[in-house]
Amino acid sequence: MTTLTIDVLNENALNLLKDLEMLKIIRVRKDNSVVNADSEKLIAKYKGAMTAQPLHEIEKQIDDLRNEWK
């Protein structure tokens, strides 16, 4: 058995999955632990990656970036 994570983009796809489940071809489970585990890994990975900066420094950096394109 292979486990897949699927993002349903259209309600018709959900209906098709339910039909396949009724035919005992697949089993549909709502499992949020996969998404939560990935989110927790990302949070841990990027936590503390940015330091707090005063607003005027951020605005200066944005202005500098914009001026590079002129």
PDB file of N, CA and C in Angstrom:
ATOM      1  N   MET A   1       0.844  -1.173   0.000  1.00  0.00           N
ATOM      2  CA  MET A   1       0.000   0.000   0.000  1.00  0.00           C
ATOM      3  C   MET A   1       0.886   1.231   0.000  1.00  0.00           C
ATOM      4  N   THR A   2       0.509   2.230  -0.788  1.00  0.00           N
ATOM      5  CA  THR A   2       1.219   3.492  -0.874  1.00  0.00           C
ATOM      6  C   THR A   2       0.342   4.597  -0.323  1.00  0.00           C
ATOM      7  N   THR A   3       0.919   5.464   0.495  1.00  0.00           N
ATOM      8  CA  THR A   3       0.181   6.588   1.058  1.00  0.00           C
ATOM      9  C   THR A   3       0.560   7.850   0.308  1.00  0.00           C
ATOM     10  N   LEU A   4      -0.449   8.602  -0.115  1.00  0.00           N
ATOM     11  CA  LEU A   4      -0.236   9.837  -0.851  1.00  0.00           C
ATOM     12  C   LEU A   4      -0.962  10.968  -0.151  1.00  0.00           C
ATOM     13  N   THR A   5      -0.448  12.163  -0.302  1.00  0.00           N
ATOM     14  CA  THR A   5      -1.144  13.359   0.159  1.00  0.00           C
ATOM     15  C   THR A   5      -1.628  14.084  -1.082  1.00  0.00           C
ATOM     16  N   ILE A   6      -2.910  14.395  -1.104  1.00  0.00           N
ATOM     17  CA  ILE A   6      -3.517  15.009  -2.285  1.00  0.00           C
ATOM     18  C   ILE A   6      -4.175  16.325  -1.884  1.00  0.00           C
ATOM     19  N   ASP A   7      -3.939  17.369  -2.659  1.00  0.00           N
ATOM     20  CA  ASP A   7      -4.645  18.632  -2.477  1.00  0.00           C
ATOM     21  C   ASP A   7      -5.819  18.645  -3.434  1.00  0.00           C
ATOM     22  N   VAL A   8      -7.017  18.709  -2.899  1.00  0.00           N
ATOM     23  CA  VAL A   8      -8.222  18.712  -3.729  1.00  0.00           C
ATOM     24  C   VAL A   8      -8.471  20.137  -4.200  1.00  0.00           C
ATOM     25  N   LEU A   9      -8.433  20.340  -5.501  1.00  0.00           N
ATOM     26  CA  LEU A   9      -8.602  21.663  -6.075  1.00  0.00           C
ATOM     27  C   LEU A   9     -10.025  21.932  -6.549  1.00  0.00           C
ATOM     28  N   ASN A  10     -10.822  20.867  -6.645  1.00  0.00           N
ATOM     29  CA  ASN A  10     -12.164  21.005  -7.187  1.00  0.00           C
ATOM     30  C   ASN A  10     -13.067  20.007  -6.474  1.00  0.00           C
ATOM     31  N   GLU A  11     -14.283  20.421  -6.173  1.00  0.00           N
ATOM     32  CA  GLU A  11     -15.226  19.539  -5.480  1.00  0.00           C
ATOM     33  C   GLU A  11     -15.510  18.266  -6.280  1.00  0.00           C
ATOM     34  N   ASN A  12     -15.446  18.347  -7.609  1.00  0.00           N
ATOM     35  CA  ASN A  12     -15.668  17.158  -8.436  1.00  0.00           C
ATOM     36  C   ASN A  12     -14.628  16.077  -8.132  1.00  0.00           C
ATOM     37  N   ALA A  13     -13.407  16.504  -7.853  1.00  0.00           N
ATOM     38  CA  ALA A  13     -12.355  15.545  -7.521  1.00  0.00           C
ATOM     39  C   ALA A  13     -12.681  14.837  -6.215  1.00  0.00           C
ATOM     40  N   LEU A  14     -13.224  15.565  -5.265  1.00  0.00           N
ATOM     41  CA  LEU A  14     -13.599  14.955  -3.991  1.00  0.00           C
ATOM     42  C   LEU A  14     -14.696  13.913  -4.197  1.00  0.00           C
ATOM     43  N   ASN A  15     -15.648  14.226  -5.054  1.00  0.00           N
ATOM     44  CA  ASN A  15     -16.712  13.262  -5.360  1.00  0.00           C
ATOM     45  C   ASN A  15     -16.148  12.012  -6.027  1.00  0.00           C
ATOM     46  N   LEU A  16     -15.190  12.183  -6.915  1.00  0.00           N
ATOM     47  CA  LEU A  16     -14.558  11.027  -7.567  1.00  0.00           C
ATOM     48  C   LEU A  16     -13.818  10.167  -6.544  1.00  0.00           C
ATOM     49  N   LEU A  17     -13.135  10.816  -5.614  1.00  0.00           N
ATOM     50  CA  LEU A  17     -12.430  10.067  -4.580  1.00  0.00           C
ATOM     51  C   LEU A  17     -13.409   9.281  -3.707  1.00  0.00           C
ATOM     52  N   LYS A  18     -14.538   9.885  -3.405  1.00  0.00           N
ATOM     53  CA  LYS A  18     -15.553   9.191  -2.613  1.00  0.00           C
ATOM     54  C   LYS A  18     -16.100   7.985  -3.373  1.00  0.00           C
ATOM     55  N   ASP A  19     -16.278   8.137  -4.685  1.00  0.00           N
ATOM     56  CA  ASP A  19     -16.740   7.014  -5.509  1.00  0.00           C
ATOM     57  C   ASP A  19     -15.720   5.877  -5.502  1.00  0.00           C
ATOM     58  N   LEU A  20     -14.448   6.220  -5.622  1.00  0.00           N
ATOM     59  CA  LEU A  20     -13.401   5.197  -5.588  1.00  0.00           C
ATOM     60  C   LEU A  20     -13.359   4.495  -4.230  1.00  0.00           C
ATOM     61  N   GLU A  21     -13.637   5.251  -3.188  1.00  0.00           N
ATOM     62  CA  GLU A  21     -13.675   4.645  -1.860  1.00  0.00           C
ATOM     63  C   GLU A  21     -14.849   3.674  -1.738  1.00  0.00           C
ATOM     64  N   MET A  22     -15.985   4.046  -2.294  1.00  0.00           N
ATOM     65  CA  MET A  22     -17.147   3.165  -2.248  1.00  0.00           C
ATOM     66  C   MET A  22     -16.888   1.865  -3.004  1.00  0.00           C
ATOM     67  N   LEU A  23     -16.074   1.930  -4.048  1.00  0.00           N
ATOM     68  CA  LEU A  23     -15.720   0.736  -4.813  1.00  0.00           C
ATOM     69  C   LEU A  23     -14.594  -0.062  -4.151  1.00  0.00           C
ATOM     70  N   LYS A  24     -14.159   0.404  -2.993  1.00  0.00           N
ATOM     71  CA  LYS A  24     -13.087  -0.231  -2.228  1.00  0.00           C
ATOM     72  C   LYS A  24     -11.772  -0.289  -3.013  1.00  0.00           C
ATOM     73  N   ILE A  25     -11.544   0.774  -3.789  1.00  0.00           N
ATOM     74  CA  ILE A  25     -10.292   0.895  -4.535  1.00  0.00           C
ATOM     75  C   ILE A  25      -9.279   1.694  -3.715  1.00  0.00           C
ATOM     76  N   ILE A  26      -9.771   2.696  -3.016  1.00  0.00           N
ATOM     77  CA  ILE A  26      -8.919   3.517  -2.164  1.00  0.00           C
ATOM     78  C   ILE A  26      -9.623   3.719  -0.823  1.00  0.00           C
ATOM     79  N   ARG A  27      -8.867   4.251   0.141  1.00  0.00           N
ATOM     80  CA  ARG A  27      -9.435   4.637   1.425  1.00  0.00           C
ATOM     81  C   ARG A  27      -9.085   6.100   1.636  1.00  0.00           C
ATOM     82  N   VAL A  28     -10.069   6.907   1.954  1.00  0.00           N
ATOM     83  CA  VAL A  28      -9.865   8.341   2.151  1.00  0.00           C
ATOM     84  C   VAL A  28      -9.827   8.613   3.648  1.00  0.00           C
ATOM     85  N   ARG A  29      -8.779   9.308   4.068  1.00  0.00           N
ATOM     86  CA  ARG A  29      -8.639   9.698   5.469  1.00  0.00           C
ATOM     87  C   ARG A  29      -8.294  11.174   5.523  1.00  0.00           C
ATOM     88  N   LYS A  30      -8.858  11.868   6.468  1.00  0.00           N
ATOM     89  CA  LYS A  30      -8.442  13.242   6.719  1.00  0.00           C
ATOM     90  C   LYS A  30      -7.371  13.176   7.784  1.00  0.00           C
ATOM     91  N   ASP A  31      -6.144  13.467   7.388  1.00  0.00           N
ATOM     92  CA  ASP A  31      -5.023  13.360   8.314  1.00  0.00           C
ATOM     93  C   ASP A  31      -4.278  14.685   8.327  1.00  0.00           C
ATOM     94  N   ASN A  32      -4.540  15.502   9.317  1.00  0.00           N
ATOM     95  CA  ASN A  32      -3.888  16.803   9.429  1.00  0.00           C
ATOM     96  C   ASN A  32      -2.504  16.718  10.044  1.00  0.00           C
ATOM     97  N   SER A  33      -2.139  15.568  10.575  1.00  0.00           N
ATOM     98  CA  SER A  33      -0.841  15.452  11.233  1.00  0.00           C
ATOM     99  C   SER A  33       0.305  15.620  10.247  1.00  0.00           C
ATOM    100  N   VAL A  34       0.098  15.236   8.990  1.00  0.00           N
ATOM    101  CA  VAL A  34       1.150  15.396   7.985  1.00  0.00           C
ATOM    102  C   VAL A  34       1.413  16.871   7.748  1.00  0.00           C
ATOM    103  N   VAL A  35       0.358  17.649   7.584  1.00  0.00           N
ATOM    104  CA  VAL A  35       0.505  19.087   7.360  1.00  0.00           C
ATOM    105  C   VAL A  35       1.108  19.740   8.588  1.00  0.00           C
ATOM    106  N   ASN A  36       0.628  19.367   9.776  1.00  0.00           N
ATOM    107  CA  ASN A  36       1.142  19.958  11.001  1.00  0.00           C
ATOM    108  C   ASN A  36       2.608  19.624  11.208  1.00  0.00           C
ATOM    109  N   ALA A  37       3.015  18.404  10.895  1.00  0.00           N
ATOM    110  CA  ALA A  37       4.408  18.015  11.057  1.00  0.00           C
ATOM    111  C   ALA A  37       5.294  18.841  10.132  1.00  0.00           C
ATOM    112  N   ASP A  38       4.862  19.041   8.892  1.00  0.00           N
ATOM    113  CA  ASP A  38       5.634  19.854   7.959  1.00  0.00           C
ATOM    114  C   ASP A  38       5.708  21.296   8.432  1.00  0.00           C
ATOM    115  N   SER A  39       4.609  21.817   8.943  1.00  0.00           N
ATOM    116  CA  SER A  39       4.585  23.187   9.437  1.00  0.00           C
ATOM    117  C   SER A  39       5.537  23.357  10.608  1.00  0.00           C
ATOM    118  N   GLU A  40       5.539  22.394  11.511  1.00  0.00           N
ATOM    119  CA  GLU A  40       6.423  22.470  12.668  1.00  0.00           C
ATOM    120  C   GLU A  40       7.881  22.426  12.246  1.00  0.00           C
ATOM    121  N   LYS A  41       8.204  21.627  11.226  1.00  0.00           N
ATOM    122  CA  LYS A  41       9.581  21.575  10.735  1.00  0.00           C
ATOM    123  C   LYS A  41       9.991  22.924  10.152  1.00  0.00           C
ATOM    124  N   LEU A  42       9.087  23.547   9.397  1.00  0.00           N
ATOM    125  CA  LEU A  42       9.400  24.853   8.814  1.00  0.00           C
ATOM    126  C   LEU A  42       9.580  25.909   9.891  1.00  0.00           C
ATOM    127  N   ILE A  43       8.723  25.878  10.888  1.00  0.00           N
ATOM    128  CA  ILE A  43       8.834  26.842  11.973  1.00  0.00           C
ATOM    129  C   ILE A  43      10.187  26.689  12.670  1.00  0.00           C
ATOM    130  N   ALA A  44      10.557  25.454  12.962  1.00  0.00           N
ATOM    131  CA  ALA A  44      11.832  25.203  13.627  1.00  0.00           C
ATOM    132  C   ALA A  44      13.002  25.629  12.743  1.00  0.00           C
ATOM    133  N   LYS A  45      12.865  25.394  11.450  1.00  0.00           N
ATOM    134  CA  LYS A  45      13.952  25.719  10.521  1.00  0.00           C
ATOM    135  C   LYS A  45      14.205  27.218  10.441  1.00  0.00           C
ATOM    136  N   TYR A  46      13.130  28.009  10.414  1.00  0.00           N
ATOM    137  CA  TYR A  46      13.269  29.445  10.193  1.00  0.00           C
ATOM    138  C   TYR A  46      13.129  30.286  11.453  1.00  0.00           C
ATOM    139  N   LYS A  47      12.870  29.662  12.575  1.00  0.00           N
ATOM    140  CA  LYS A  47      12.713  30.413  13.816  1.00  0.00           C
ATOM    141  C   LYS A  47      14.020  31.121  14.155  1.00  0.00           C
ATOM    142  N   GLY A  48      13.930  32.413  14.369  1.00  0.00           N
ATOM    143  CA  GLY A  48      15.110  33.204  14.704  1.00  0.00           C
ATOM    144  C   GLY A  48      15.951  33.585  13.506  1.00  0.00           C
ATOM    145  N   ALA A  49      15.482  33.288  12.292  1.00  0.00           N
ATOM    146  CA  ALA A  49      16.260  33.598  11.096  1.00  0.00           C
ATOM    147  C   ALA A  49      16.319  35.099  10.839  1.00  0.00           C
ATOM    148  N   MET A  50      15.304  35.811  11.273  1.00  0.00           N
ATOM    149  CA  MET A  50      15.279  37.266  11.093  1.00  0.00           C
ATOM    150  C   MET A  50      15.300  37.924  12.467  1.00  0.00           C
ATOM    151  N   THR A  51      16.079  38.965  12.548  1.00  0.00           N
ATOM    152  CA  THR A  51      16.109  39.717  13.795  1.00  0.00           C
ATOM    153  C   THR A  51      15.167  40.908  13.674  1.00  0.00           C
ATOM    154  N   ALA A  52      14.684  41.368  14.799  1.00  0.00           N
ATOM    155  CA  ALA A  52      13.795  42.534  14.802  1.00  0.00           C
ATOM    156  C   ALA A  52      14.587  43.769  14.385  1.00  0.00           C
ATOM    157  N   GLN A  53      13.991  44.557  13.499  1.00  0.00           N
ATOM    158  CA  GLN A  53      14.640  45.775  13.029  1.00  0.00           C
ATOM    159  C   GLN A  53      13.673  46.944  13.214  1.00  0.00           C
ATOM    160  N   PRO A  54      14.233  48.114  13.475  1.00  0.00           N
ATOM    161  CA  PRO A  54      13.368  49.293  13.540  1.00  0.00           C
ATOM    162  C   PRO A  54      12.731  49.558  12.176  1.00  0.00           C
ATOM    163  N   LEU A  55      11.561  50.133  12.178  1.00  0.00           N
ATOM    164  CA  LEU A  55      10.818  50.382  10.950  1.00  0.00           C
ATOM    165  C   LEU A  55      11.593  51.240   9.963  1.00  0.00           C
ATOM    166  N   HIS A  56      12.313  52.239  10.456  1.00  0.00           N
ATOM    167  CA  HIS A  56      13.040  53.120   9.533  1.00  0.00           C
ATOM    168  C   HIS A  56      14.140  52.372   8.778  1.00  0.00           C
ATOM    169  N   GLU A  57      14.756  51.367   9.402  1.00  0.00           N
ATOM    170  CA  GLU A  57      15.766  50.569   8.705  1.00  0.00           C
ATOM    171  C   GLU A  57      15.132  49.722   7.603  1.00  0.00           C
ATOM    172  N   ILE A  58      13.988  49.168   7.886  1.00  0.00           N
ATOM    173  CA  ILE A  58      13.286  48.349   6.888  1.00  0.00           C
ATOM    174  C   ILE A  58      12.872  49.219   5.706  1.00  0.00           C
ATOM    175  N   GLU A  59      12.333  50.399   5.991  1.00  0.00           N
ATOM    176  CA  GLU A  59      11.929  51.307   4.914  1.00  0.00           C
ATOM    177  C   GLU A  59      13.128  51.713   4.070  1.00  0.00           C
ATOM    178  N   LYS A  60      14.290  51.953   4.705  1.00  0.00           N
ATOM    179  CA  LYS A  60      15.497  52.324   3.962  1.00  0.00           C
ATOM    180  C   LYS A  60      15.922  51.183   3.044  1.00  0.00           C
ATOM    181  N   GLN A  61      15.874  49.941   3.549  1.00  0.00           N
ATOM    182  CA  GLN A  61      16.246  48.795   2.731  1.00  0.00           C
ATOM    183  C   GLN A  61      15.312  48.648   1.531  1.00  0.00           C
ATOM    184  N   ILE A  62      14.029  48.845   1.753  1.00  0.00           N
ATOM    185  CA  ILE A  62      13.062  48.753   0.651  1.00  0.00           C
ATOM    186  C   ILE A  62      13.328  49.840  -0.379  1.00  0.00           C
ATOM    187  N   ASP A  63      13.576  51.073   0.084  1.00  0.00           N
ATOM    188  CA  ASP A  63      13.882  52.166  -0.844  1.00  0.00           C
ATOM    189  C   ASP A  63      15.147  51.866  -1.641  1.00  0.00           C
ATOM    190  N   ASP A  64      16.174  51.343  -0.984  1.00  0.00           N
ATOM    191  CA  ASP A  64      17.414  50.988  -1.681  1.00  0.00           C
ATOM    192  C   ASP A  64      17.159  49.942  -2.760  1.00  0.00           C
ATOM    193  N   LEU A  65      16.347  48.930  -2.432  1.00  0.00           N
ATOM    194  CA  LEU A  65      16.032  47.899  -3.420  1.00  0.00           C
ATOM    195  C   LEU A  65      15.267  48.474  -4.601  1.00  0.00           C
ATOM    196  N   ARG A  66      14.310  49.354  -4.314  1.00  0.00           N
ATOM    197  CA  ARG A  66      13.543  49.970  -5.399  1.00  0.00           C
ATOM    198  C   ARG A  66      14.419  50.828  -6.285  1.00  0.00           C
ATOM    199  N   ASN A  67      15.358  51.555  -5.683  1.00  0.00           N
ATOM    200  CA  ASN A  67      16.237  52.434  -6.456  1.00  0.00           C
ATOM    201  C   ASN A  67      17.200  51.661  -7.344  1.00  0.00           C
ATOM    202  N   GLU A  68      17.507  50.420  -6.978  1.00  0.00           N
ATOM    203  CA  GLU A  68      18.391  49.606  -7.819  1.00  0.00           C
ATOM    204  C   GLU A  68      17.762  49.311  -9.160  1.00  0.00           C
ATOM    205  N   TRP A  69      16.444  49.292  -9.242  1.00  0.00           N
ATOM    206  CA  TRP A  69      15.748  48.960 -10.484  1.00  0.00           C
ATOM    207  C   TRP A  69      15.540  50.173 -11.373  1.00  0.00           C
ATOM    208  N   LYS A  70      15.857  51.357 -10.877  1.00  0.00           N
ATOM    209  CA  LYS A  70      15.646  52.579 -11.677  1.00  0.00           C
ATOM    210  C   LYS A  70      16.805  52.852 -12.585  1.00  0.00           C
TER     211      LYS A  70
END
